[in-house]
Protein backbone atom coordinates (compact mmCIF):
# COMPACT_ATOMS: atom_id res chain seq x y z
CA UNK A 1 -39.69 33.71 19.98
CA UNK A 2 -36.52 32.60 21.80
CA UNK A 3 -36.20 29.15 23.35
CA UNK A 4 -36.52 30.35 26.97
CA UNK A 5 -39.62 32.35 26.05
CA UNK A 6 -41.21 29.30 24.48
CA UNK A 7 -40.55 27.25 27.62
CA UNK A 8 -42.19 29.84 29.89
CA UNK A 9 -45.18 30.17 27.59
CA UNK A 10 -45.50 26.40 27.51
CA UNK A 11 -45.55 26.21 31.33
CA UNK A 12 -48.13 29.04 31.62
CA UNK A 13 -50.48 27.39 29.16
CA UNK A 14 -50.15 24.07 30.96
CA UNK A 15 -51.47 25.76 34.12
CA UNK A 16 -54.62 26.94 32.35
CA UNK A 17 -56.41 24.14 30.50
CA UNK A 18 -58.78 26.54 28.69
CA UNK A 19 -55.76 27.51 26.57
CA UNK A 20 -55.35 23.93 25.34
CA UNK A 21 -55.76 24.98 21.71
CA UNK A 22 -53.10 27.65 22.14
CA UNK A 23 -50.87 25.06 23.78
CA UNK A 24 -50.85 22.99 20.60
CA UNK A 25 -50.03 26.05 18.51
CA UNK A 26 -47.19 27.01 20.83
CA UNK A 27 -45.76 23.50 20.74
CA UNK A 28 -45.79 23.39 16.95
CA UNK A 29 -44.24 26.86 16.82
CA UNK A 30 -41.47 25.79 19.15
CA UNK A 31 -40.61 22.88 16.89
CA UNK A 32 -40.34 25.18 13.94
CA UNK A 33 -38.15 27.63 15.80
CA UNK A 34 -35.84 24.99 17.28
CA UNK A 35 -35.33 23.13 14.03
CA UNK A 36 -32.16 24.41 12.32
CA UNK A 37 -32.27 25.72 8.82
CA UNK A 38 -32.39 22.64 6.61
CA UNK A 39 -29.25 21.77 4.74
CA UNK A 40 -31.24 21.48 1.53
CA UNK A 41 -31.65 25.24 1.51
CA UNK A 42 -27.91 25.84 1.49
CA UNK A 43 -25.83 26.63 -1.60
CA UNK A 44 -23.84 23.66 -3.02
CA UNK A 45 -20.66 25.11 -1.56
CA UNK A 46 -22.21 25.59 1.89
CA UNK A 47 -23.64 22.07 1.74
CA UNK A 48 -20.19 20.64 1.05
CA UNK A 49 -18.74 22.66 3.93
CA UNK A 50 -21.39 21.44 6.34
CA UNK A 51 -20.71 17.81 5.52
CA UNK A 52 -16.94 18.35 5.63
CA UNK A 53 -17.43 19.48 9.23
CA UNK A 54 -18.56 15.94 10.08
CA UNK A 55 -14.91 14.94 9.66
CA UNK A 56 -13.39 14.96 13.14
CA UNK A 57 -10.02 14.44 14.77
CA UNK A 58 -11.69 12.06 17.24
CA UNK A 59 -12.78 9.70 14.43
CA UNK A 60 -9.36 9.90 12.79
CA UNK A 61 -7.68 9.02 16.07
CA UNK A 62 -9.90 5.96 16.52
CA UNK A 63 -9.23 4.67 13.02
CA UNK A 64 -5.49 5.35 13.05
CA UNK A 65 -4.89 4.00 16.54
CA UNK A 66 -6.40 0.71 15.43
CA UNK A 67 -4.64 0.56 12.06
CA UNK A 68 -1.22 1.32 13.56
CA UNK A 69 -1.59 -1.04 16.51
CA UNK A 70 0.60 -4.09 17.06
CA UNK A 71 -2.48 -6.22 16.42
CA UNK A 72 -1.95 -5.73 12.67
CA UNK A 73 1.78 -6.58 12.84
CA UNK A 74 2.85 -3.89 10.38
CA UNK A 75 0.25 -4.88 7.73
CA UNK A 76 2.75 -6.49 5.35
CA UNK A 77 1.17 -7.73 2.12
CA UNK A 78 -0.19 -11.33 2.21
CA UNK A 79 0.31 -11.64 6.00
CA UNK A 80 -2.29 -12.20 8.71
CA UNK A 81 -1.82 -8.61 9.88
CA UNK A 82 -2.64 -7.22 6.44
CA UNK A 83 -5.76 -9.38 6.27
CA UNK A 84 -6.88 -8.21 9.72
CA UNK A 85 -6.49 -4.61 8.54
CA UNK A 86 -8.51 -5.41 5.39
CA UNK A 87 -11.32 -6.81 7.55
CA UNK A 88 -11.25 -3.72 9.76
CA UNK A 89 -11.74 -1.43 6.74
CA UNK A 90 -14.46 -3.71 5.38
CA UNK A 91 -16.27 -3.63 8.74
CA UNK A 92 -16.14 0.16 8.65
CA UNK A 93 -17.88 0.20 5.27
CA UNK A 94 -20.50 -2.24 6.54
CA UNK A 95 -21.09 -0.22 9.72
CA UNK A 96 -22.01 2.88 7.72
CA UNK A 97 -23.95 0.95 5.05
CA UNK A 98 -21.42 1.78 2.35
CA UNK A 99 -22.04 -0.89 -0.25
CA UNK A 100 -19.63 -3.21 -1.99
CA UNK A 101 -19.43 -2.90 -5.79
CA UNK A 102 -22.01 -5.36 -7.10
CA UNK A 103 -19.46 -7.35 -9.12
CA UNK A 104 -17.68 -8.24 -5.86
CA UNK A 105 -20.86 -9.95 -4.61
CA UNK A 106 -20.86 -8.09 -1.30
CA UNK A 107 -17.37 -9.29 -0.32
CA UNK A 108 -15.75 -5.80 -0.49
CA UNK A 109 -12.50 -7.55 -1.48
CA UNK A 110 -10.72 -7.62 -4.82
CA UNK A 111 -8.26 -10.44 -4.33
CA UNK A 112 -5.05 -10.63 -6.34
CA UNK A 113 -2.21 -13.19 -6.49
CA UNK A 114 1.32 -12.41 -5.35
CA UNK A 115 4.37 -14.54 -6.01
CA UNK A 116 6.46 -14.78 -2.86
CA UNK A 117 10.10 -15.83 -3.05
CA UNK A 118 11.45 -16.79 0.38
CA UNK A 119 15.12 -17.73 0.07
CA UNK A 120 15.40 -18.28 3.82
CA UNK A 121 13.50 -21.54 3.35
CA UNK A 122 16.37 -23.08 1.35
CA UNK A 123 18.07 -26.16 2.86
CA UNK A 124 21.58 -27.34 1.95
CA UNK A 125 23.53 -30.30 3.33
CA UNK A 126 26.90 -31.66 2.25
CA UNK A 127 27.88 -35.20 3.19
CA UNK A 128 25.02 -35.30 5.68
CA UNK A 129 25.97 -32.05 7.49
CA UNK A 130 23.30 -29.35 7.30
CA UNK A 131 24.71 -25.87 6.69
CA UNK A 132 23.26 -22.78 8.39
CA UNK A 133 21.44 -20.28 6.22
CA UNK A 134 23.27 -16.91 5.98
CA UNK A 135 25.83 -17.95 8.57
CA UNK A 136 27.39 -20.50 6.20
CA UNK A 137 25.55 -20.17 2.89
CA UNK A 138 22.89 -18.32 0.96
CA UNK A 139 21.09 -18.68 -2.37
CA UNK A 140 20.63 -16.20 -5.21
CA UNK A 141 18.15 -15.52 -7.97
CA UNK A 142 14.89 -17.34 -8.64
CA UNK A 143 15.65 -21.05 -8.17
CA UNK A 144 13.20 -23.64 -9.41
CA UNK A 145 11.23 -25.41 -6.68
CA UNK A 146 13.03 -28.73 -6.26
CA UNK A 147 14.36 -31.24 -3.72
CA UNK A 148 17.19 -33.79 -4.16
CA UNK A 149 18.89 -36.27 -1.86
CA UNK A 150 22.55 -37.36 -1.94
CA UNK A 151 23.51 -36.13 -5.39
CA UNK A 152 27.13 -36.45 -6.53
CA UNK A 153 29.30 -33.34 -6.28
CA UNK A 154 31.71 -32.62 -9.15
CA UNK A 155 34.55 -30.14 -8.51
CA UNK A 156 35.20 -27.67 -11.31
CA UNK A 157 36.98 -24.44 -12.16
CA UNK A 158 35.21 -22.03 -14.47
CA UNK A 159 36.72 -18.85 -15.94
CA UNK A 160 37.01 -17.11 -19.27
CA UNK A 161 40.24 -18.94 -20.10
CA UNK A 162 39.81 -22.24 -18.27
CA UNK A 163 37.02 -24.46 -19.58
CA UNK A 164 35.37 -27.16 -17.43
CA UNK A 165 37.10 -30.53 -17.58
CA UNK A 166 33.86 -32.43 -18.02
CA UNK A 167 31.19 -31.79 -20.63
CA UNK A 168 28.29 -33.84 -19.25
CA UNK A 169 27.03 -32.98 -15.78
CA UNK A 170 23.64 -34.64 -16.01
CA UNK A 171 22.20 -35.43 -12.57
CA UNK A 172 25.22 -33.95 -10.76
CA UNK A 173 25.93 -30.86 -8.67
CA UNK A 174 28.87 -28.66 -9.67
CA UNK A 175 31.12 -27.23 -6.96
CA UNK A 176 33.04 -24.27 -8.39
CA UNK A 177 36.45 -23.61 -6.88
CA UNK A 178 38.13 -20.22 -6.94
CA UNK A 179 39.28 -19.00 -10.34
CA UNK A 180 43.01 -19.55 -10.65
CA UNK A 181 43.66 -16.37 -12.63
CA UNK A 182 43.14 -13.51 -10.16
CA UNK A 183 43.72 -10.86 -12.81
CA UNK A 184 40.99 -12.13 -15.08
CA UNK A 185 37.57 -10.50 -15.11
CA UNK A 186 35.19 -12.77 -13.16
CA UNK A 187 32.34 -14.53 -14.92
CA UNK A 188 28.85 -13.61 -13.70
CA UNK A 189 26.97 -16.17 -11.68
CA UNK A 190 24.16 -16.19 -14.26
CA UNK A 191 26.55 -17.22 -17.03
CA UNK A 192 27.88 -19.99 -14.84
CA UNK A 193 24.51 -21.49 -14.00
CA UNK A 194 23.32 -21.12 -17.59
CA UNK A 195 26.37 -23.02 -18.83
CA UNK A 196 26.11 -25.86 -16.34
CA UNK A 197 22.35 -26.04 -16.67
CA UNK A 198 22.77 -26.56 -20.40
CA UNK A 199 25.04 -29.51 -19.56
CA UNK A 200 22.43 -31.13 -17.30
CA UNK A 201 23.64 -30.03 -13.86
CA UNK A 202 21.07 -29.97 -11.05
CA UNK A 203 22.66 -27.10 -9.11
CA UNK A 204 25.83 -25.06 -8.71
CA UNK A 205 27.73 -24.42 -5.47
CA UNK A 206 30.26 -21.59 -5.36
CA UNK A 207 33.12 -21.63 -2.86
CA UNK A 208 33.39 -18.19 -1.23
CA UNK A 209 36.57 -17.01 0.53
CA UNK A 210 36.19 -14.52 3.39
CA UNK A 211 32.48 -15.33 3.40
CA UNK A 212 31.64 -13.61 6.68
CA UNK A 213 32.93 -10.22 5.54
CA UNK A 214 31.61 -10.16 1.97
CA UNK A 215 28.20 -9.67 0.31
CA UNK A 216 26.82 -8.06 3.48
CA UNK A 217 24.25 -6.01 1.62
CA UNK A 218 22.98 -9.03 -0.28
CA UNK A 219 22.67 -11.06 2.91
CA UNK A 220 20.72 -8.24 4.54
CA UNK A 221 18.29 -8.08 1.60
CA UNK A 222 17.51 -11.77 1.28
CA UNK A 223 16.49 -12.23 4.91
CA UNK A 224 12.98 -11.04 4.06
CA UNK A 225 10.69 -12.63 1.46
CA UNK A 226 10.71 -11.00 -1.95
CA UNK A 227 7.40 -10.39 -3.69
CA UNK A 228 6.27 -9.93 -7.27
CA UNK A 229 2.77 -9.39 -8.53
CA UNK A 230 1.87 -12.73 -10.08
CA UNK A 231 2.68 -12.96 -13.76
CA UNK A 232 5.18 -10.07 -13.61
CA UNK A 233 8.39 -12.05 -13.40
CA UNK A 234 10.99 -10.60 -15.75
CA UNK A 235 13.53 -13.35 -15.03
CA UNK A 236 13.00 -17.07 -15.53
CA UNK A 237 13.54 -19.66 -12.84
CA UNK A 238 16.91 -21.43 -12.97
CA UNK A 239 18.77 -24.27 -11.29
CA UNK A 240 19.71 -23.50 -7.65
CA UNK A 241 22.87 -21.49 -7.04
CA UNK A 242 24.47 -21.62 -3.58
CA UNK A 243 27.25 -19.39 -2.22
CA UNK A 244 29.04 -21.28 0.57
CA UNK A 245 31.67 -20.29 3.12
CA UNK A 246 34.97 -21.88 2.06
CA UNK A 247 35.82 -22.74 5.69
CA UNK A 248 32.53 -24.58 6.09
CA UNK A 249 33.22 -26.48 2.88
CA UNK A 250 36.66 -27.52 4.10
CA UNK A 251 35.11 -28.91 7.28
CA UNK A 252 32.56 -31.11 5.48
CA UNK A 253 34.26 -32.18 2.23
CA UNK A 254 36.22 -35.41 2.22
CA UNK A 255 38.62 -37.19 -0.07
CA UNK A 256 36.83 -39.25 -2.66
CA UNK A 257 33.13 -39.01 -3.42
CA UNK A 258 31.06 -36.19 -1.94
CA UNK A 259 27.29 -35.80 -2.01
CA UNK A 260 24.81 -33.02 -1.34
CA UNK A 261 21.13 -32.83 -0.48
CA UNK A 262 19.14 -29.64 -0.96
CA UNK A 263 15.66 -28.21 -1.16
CA UNK A 264 14.59 -24.94 -2.78
CA UNK A 265 10.84 -24.87 -2.19
CA UNK A 266 11.04 -21.08 -2.17
CA UNK A 267 8.44 -19.93 -4.66
CA UNK A 268 4.81 -19.74 -3.49
CA UNK A 269 1.68 -17.99 -4.72
CA UNK A 270 -0.16 -16.12 -1.97
CA UNK A 271 -3.02 -13.65 -2.09
CA UNK A 272 -3.73 -10.12 -0.98
CA UNK A 273 -6.80 -7.88 -1.09
CA UNK A 274 -7.87 -4.43 -2.17
CA UNK A 275 -10.84 -3.22 -0.12
CA UNK A 276 -13.58 -1.36 -2.01
CA UNK A 277 -16.58 0.65 -0.85
CA UNK A 278 -18.96 2.35 -3.26
CA UNK A 279 -21.59 5.10 -3.28
CA UNK A 280 -23.62 5.09 -6.54
CA UNK A 281 -24.22 8.24 -8.57
CA UNK A 282 -26.80 9.37 -11.10
CA UNK A 283 -24.55 8.40 -14.04
CA UNK A 284 -22.15 5.56 -14.80
CA UNK A 285 -19.14 7.81 -14.27
CA UNK A 286 -17.21 7.69 -11.02
CA UNK A 287 -14.38 9.24 -9.07
CA UNK A 288 -11.84 7.25 -7.06
CA UNK A 289 -10.49 8.20 -3.64
CA UNK A 290 -7.59 5.96 -2.67
CA UNK A 291 -4.99 5.16 -0.03
CA UNK A 292 -2.84 2.10 0.65
CA UNK A 293 -3.30 0.31 3.94
CA UNK A 294 -0.35 -2.11 3.73
CA UNK A 295 3.05 -1.44 5.27
CA UNK A 296 6.39 -3.21 5.86
CA UNK A 297 5.63 -5.72 8.61
CA UNK A 298 8.73 -6.31 10.72
CA UNK A 299 12.24 -4.86 10.70
CA UNK A 300 14.79 -6.94 12.63
CA UNK A 301 12.07 -8.18 14.97
CA UNK A 302 10.45 -4.77 15.52
CA UNK A 303 6.96 -4.03 14.19
CA UNK A 304 6.79 -1.22 11.66
CA UNK A 305 3.34 0.14 12.46
CA UNK A 306 3.29 2.67 9.61
CA UNK A 307 1.13 5.28 11.33
CA UNK A 308 1.94 7.93 8.75
CA UNK A 309 2.73 5.52 5.90
CA UNK A 310 -0.06 5.03 5.19
CA UNK A 311 -2.27 4.66 8.23
CA UNK A 312 -2.86 8.41 7.93
CA UNK A 313 -4.17 8.16 4.37
CA UNK A 314 -6.30 5.12 5.15
CA UNK A 315 -7.86 6.83 8.18
CA UNK A 316 -8.56 9.85 5.99
CA UNK A 317 -10.21 7.61 3.39
CA UNK A 318 -12.44 6.00 6.03
CA UNK A 319 -13.53 9.41 7.35
CA UNK A 320 -14.28 10.72 3.86
CA UNK A 321 -16.37 7.64 3.09
CA UNK A 322 -18.41 8.11 6.26
CA UNK A 323 -19.13 11.78 5.47
CA UNK A 324 -20.13 11.11 1.85
CA UNK A 325 -22.48 8.34 2.98
CA UNK A 326 -24.13 10.71 5.45
CA UNK A 327 -24.78 13.17 2.61
CA UNK A 328 -26.08 10.37 0.38
CA UNK A 329 -28.45 9.11 3.08
CA UNK A 330 -29.84 12.62 3.50
CA UNK A 331 -30.75 12.87 -0.15
CA UNK A 332 -27.62 14.22 -1.80
CA UNK A 333 -27.02 11.72 -4.58
CA UNK A 334 -23.82 12.59 -6.48
CA UNK A 335 -23.75 13.07 -10.23
CA UNK A 336 -21.15 10.31 -10.49
CA UNK A 337 -20.34 7.41 -8.20
CA UNK A 338 -17.62 7.49 -5.56
CA UNK A 339 -15.30 4.50 -5.19
CA UNK A 340 -13.30 4.27 -1.96
CA UNK A 341 -10.28 2.13 -2.77
CA UNK A 342 -7.94 0.88 -0.04
CA UNK A 343 -4.97 -0.74 -1.75
CA UNK A 344 -2.62 -3.46 -0.58
CA UNK A 345 0.81 -4.19 -2.02
CA UNK A 346 1.83 -0.55 -2.50
CA UNK A 347 5.07 -1.05 -0.59
CA UNK A 348 5.96 -4.04 -2.79
CA UNK A 349 5.65 -2.12 -6.06
CA UNK A 350 2.13 -0.63 -6.35
CA UNK A 351 0.69 -4.14 -6.69
CA UNK A 352 -2.90 -3.43 -5.66
CA UNK A 353 -3.41 -0.37 -7.86
CA UNK A 354 -1.74 -2.08 -10.79
CA UNK A 355 -4.03 -5.08 -10.41
CA UNK A 356 -7.09 -2.87 -10.16
CA UNK A 357 -6.26 -0.82 -13.26
CA UNK A 358 -5.52 -4.02 -15.20
CA UNK A 359 -8.70 -5.66 -13.86
CA UNK A 360 -10.99 -2.68 -13.17
CA UNK A 361 -14.30 -3.14 -11.38
CA UNK A 362 -15.59 -0.08 -13.24
CA UNK A 363 -14.48 0.89 -16.76
CA UNK A 364 -11.42 3.12 -16.74
CA UNK A 365 -13.05 5.16 -19.50
CA UNK A 366 -15.74 6.13 -16.96
CA UNK A 367 -13.24 6.92 -14.21
CA UNK A 368 -12.93 10.69 -13.97
CA UNK A 369 -10.13 11.10 -11.43
CA UNK A 370 -8.12 9.43 -8.66
CA UNK A 371 -7.45 11.41 -5.48
CA UNK A 372 -4.70 9.49 -3.69
CA UNK A 373 -3.76 10.09 -0.04
CA UNK A 374 -0.38 8.84 1.19
CA UNK A 375 1.60 10.04 4.22
CA UNK A 376 -0.35 13.14 5.27
CA UNK A 377 -0.11 13.11 9.07
CA UNK A 378 3.35 14.55 9.77
CA UNK A 379 5.58 17.55 9.10
CA UNK A 380 8.57 16.84 6.89
CA UNK A 381 12.15 17.97 7.50
CA UNK A 382 11.93 20.90 5.05
CA UNK A 383 9.07 23.07 6.36
CA UNK A 384 9.07 25.40 9.36
CA UNK A 385 5.37 24.82 10.14
CA UNK A 386 2.77 22.22 9.28
CA UNK A 387 0.30 24.36 7.33
CA UNK A 388 1.26 22.90 3.95
CA UNK A 389 0.62 19.93 1.71
CA UNK A 390 2.50 18.71 -1.32
CA UNK A 391 0.33 18.26 -4.41
CA UNK A 392 1.71 15.99 -7.10
CA UNK A 393 0.20 15.40 -10.53
CA UNK A 394 -2.73 17.80 -10.31
CA UNK A 395 -1.85 19.59 -13.58
CA UNK A 396 -0.18 16.72 -15.47
CA UNK A 397 -3.31 15.46 -17.26
CA UNK A 398 -6.09 17.95 -16.45
CA UNK A 399 -5.55 21.68 -16.01
CA UNK A 400 -9.17 21.97 -14.87
CA UNK A 401 -8.51 19.57 -12.00
CA UNK A 402 -5.59 21.74 -10.92
CA UNK A 403 -7.78 24.87 -10.97
CA UNK A 404 -10.55 23.21 -8.97
CA UNK A 405 -8.02 22.00 -6.40
CA UNK A 406 -6.61 25.48 -5.93
CA UNK A 407 -10.06 27.09 -5.72
CA UNK A 408 -11.16 24.65 -3.01
CA UNK A 409 -8.03 25.44 -1.03
CA UNK A 410 -8.30 29.22 -1.46
CA UNK A 411 -11.95 29.29 -0.40
CA UNK A 412 -11.94 26.74 2.43
CA UNK A 413 -8.64 25.25 3.59
CA UNK A 414 -5.87 27.86 3.25
CA UNK A 415 -2.96 25.44 3.03
CA UNK A 416 0.33 26.55 1.56
CA UNK A 417 0.29 24.35 -1.53
CA UNK A 418 3.76 23.05 -2.34
CA UNK A 419 4.40 21.77 -5.88
CA UNK A 420 8.11 21.04 -5.40
CA UNK A 421 7.74 17.32 -6.04
CA UNK A 422 5.44 17.88 -9.03
CA UNK A 423 8.31 19.03 -11.21
CA UNK A 424 9.03 16.58 -14.01
CA UNK A 425 12.75 16.69 -13.28
CA UNK A 426 12.31 16.07 -9.54
CA UNK A 427 14.97 13.45 -8.64
CA UNK A 428 12.69 11.82 -6.02
CA UNK A 429 10.18 10.82 -8.72
CA UNK A 430 7.30 10.74 -6.23
CA UNK A 431 4.86 11.03 -9.12
CA UNK A 432 5.70 7.42 -9.94
CA UNK A 433 5.90 6.13 -6.37
CA UNK A 434 2.34 5.83 -5.10
CA UNK A 435 -0.88 4.24 -6.28
CA UNK A 436 -2.20 7.19 -8.29
CA UNK A 437 0.49 6.47 -10.87
CA UNK A 438 -1.28 3.40 -12.23
CA UNK A 439 -4.31 5.60 -12.97
CA UNK A 440 -2.14 8.31 -14.52
CA UNK A 441 -0.58 5.70 -16.80
CA UNK A 442 -4.10 5.16 -18.12
CA UNK A 443 -4.54 8.91 -18.76
CA UNK A 444 -6.83 9.39 -15.76
CA UNK A 445 -6.28 12.73 -13.96
CA UNK A 446 -4.79 12.37 -10.48
CA UNK A 447 -3.83 14.30 -7.39
CA UNK A 448 -1.35 12.79 -4.95
CA UNK A 449 -1.66 14.40 -1.48
CA UNK A 450 1.67 13.99 0.31
CA UNK A 451 3.14 15.31 3.54
CA UNK A 452 6.77 14.70 2.63
CA UNK A 453 9.64 12.72 4.10
CA UNK A 454 10.54 12.60 7.78
CA UNK A 455 13.09 10.85 9.96
CA UNK A 456 10.74 7.93 10.76
CA UNK A 457 10.00 6.98 7.16
CA UNK A 458 10.01 3.16 6.81
CA UNK A 459 11.23 2.72 10.37
CA UNK A 460 9.68 1.04 13.43
CA UNK A 461 9.41 4.55 14.94
CA UNK A 462 6.61 5.69 12.56
CA UNK A 463 4.11 5.65 15.44
CA UNK A 464 0.62 6.92 16.26
CA UNK A 465 1.90 9.35 18.91
CA UNK A 466 3.78 11.38 16.31
CA UNK A 467 0.75 12.16 14.12
CA UNK A 468 -0.47 15.76 13.92
CA UNK A 469 -4.24 15.14 13.90
CA UNK A 470 -5.07 18.78 13.27
CA UNK A 471 -3.08 18.52 10.04
CA UNK A 472 -4.61 15.16 9.21
CA UNK A 473 -8.17 16.48 9.66
CA UNK A 474 -7.38 19.48 7.50
CA UNK A 475 -6.01 17.31 4.68
CA UNK A 476 -9.05 15.04 4.97
CA UNK A 477 -11.44 17.98 4.61
CA UNK A 478 -9.42 19.26 1.64
CA UNK A 479 -9.72 15.94 -0.18
CA UNK A 480 -13.42 15.68 0.74
CA UNK A 481 -14.27 19.14 -0.60
CA UNK A 482 -12.31 18.55 -3.79
CA UNK A 483 -14.02 15.19 -4.25
CA UNK A 484 -17.41 16.77 -3.61
CA UNK A 485 -16.89 19.26 -6.43
CA UNK A 486 -15.76 16.49 -8.79
CA UNK A 487 -18.59 14.12 -7.84
CA UNK A 488 -21.52 16.59 -7.77
CA UNK A 489 -20.71 18.94 -10.65
CA UNK A 490 -22.78 18.48 -13.80
CA UNK A 491 -19.96 18.23 -16.31
CA UNK A 492 -17.01 15.88 -16.21
CA UNK A 493 -13.66 17.66 -15.90
CA UNK A 494 -11.49 17.91 -18.98
């Protein structure tokens, strides 16, 4: 009986109370007819498709608009903006009752230390006159954290042929004048500080002719703090080394004794967070779905909102988590657990994923795959239309993973799959440039979903308004359906 017929029958029976018994039957019948065919009766493939349809462009727009807003100040690692973004992702997991891995004690955060070197915090004064950072001097390398007041300056010349006049520089600061032999190969700054450090010097100052027009690239680089994942310093700290404008030196140096005061409190340990949500499975195996939520922060005072890089991947991850939790709540428990991993520190050198794989919450031996989503909301400069996605790494470790990925696409998504960047001789080396790589290094199969390079890459113009949400939703469904097959299949892929 059709819905309109049921309504008319219901009204007729209401008018005649002697049909009360029939009224109950009709009402029950209407419920049966109106109730859609239960999802439990669908084939596994149809079930996956139905849940993939819960992924919507409207949700993706909400998530990405928030993540790429000025409120998060470009989400640079260790900053307040990054921590606000981490809390936003955490709140999303809490809202949809996606649990935190038990070892994190319901915090959702895996915190990791980052060593931050901020050379802009260096202070240098000569004879009581404070010099201006970058305009009159800058510092190089990894100086030890130290502060000194009114230390004696000793003038020296140092070259391959001309040895220093004094052998003991203990407690003094060496001011290096220009090498007298212009045809001689210059000595590296590291050799100079190593020599004078071995003689007890506290610091080295180098006189620099034509200061304003030289070392422009270096000056541009050291404006921003430099970060290393804690414990990953290849170079050792050394005595401070200052490069100073020769004209500024002439204006402050005097005949007789000269002194300098300086502070190099540049090296600090800060912290960042990976955000983890988890859906348990029937076994102790799991799959990982990942994206990095950090970005660059500011560029010359402008916020780099990173809508595509990687707000797009993070929004996709949040949508996938919501859809999998809906399936779980309706009785579809996966064969293996699903870990939703939002990484920080990717832009600084894959910090978050490196820390996780070195300090895994779940054993790497039980981790079946990592599906990593990074920059999937735009069209690159090479394709004529946007019905494509680059796949990187899908066949490097597991041929079965590659086959499953292609089958999912051929049956559901119909992307043009582009493997250009998957070639081992690809000069861009994208296989090594996103978070999946730290899993691949541990022989865990990976797929890196990538939209390619565009004109707004790493620029303040990578904005929300330029995202193709139809493309983003399609990529999100592709990753979801691939993850579904990997999570719900009986046998682990090989």
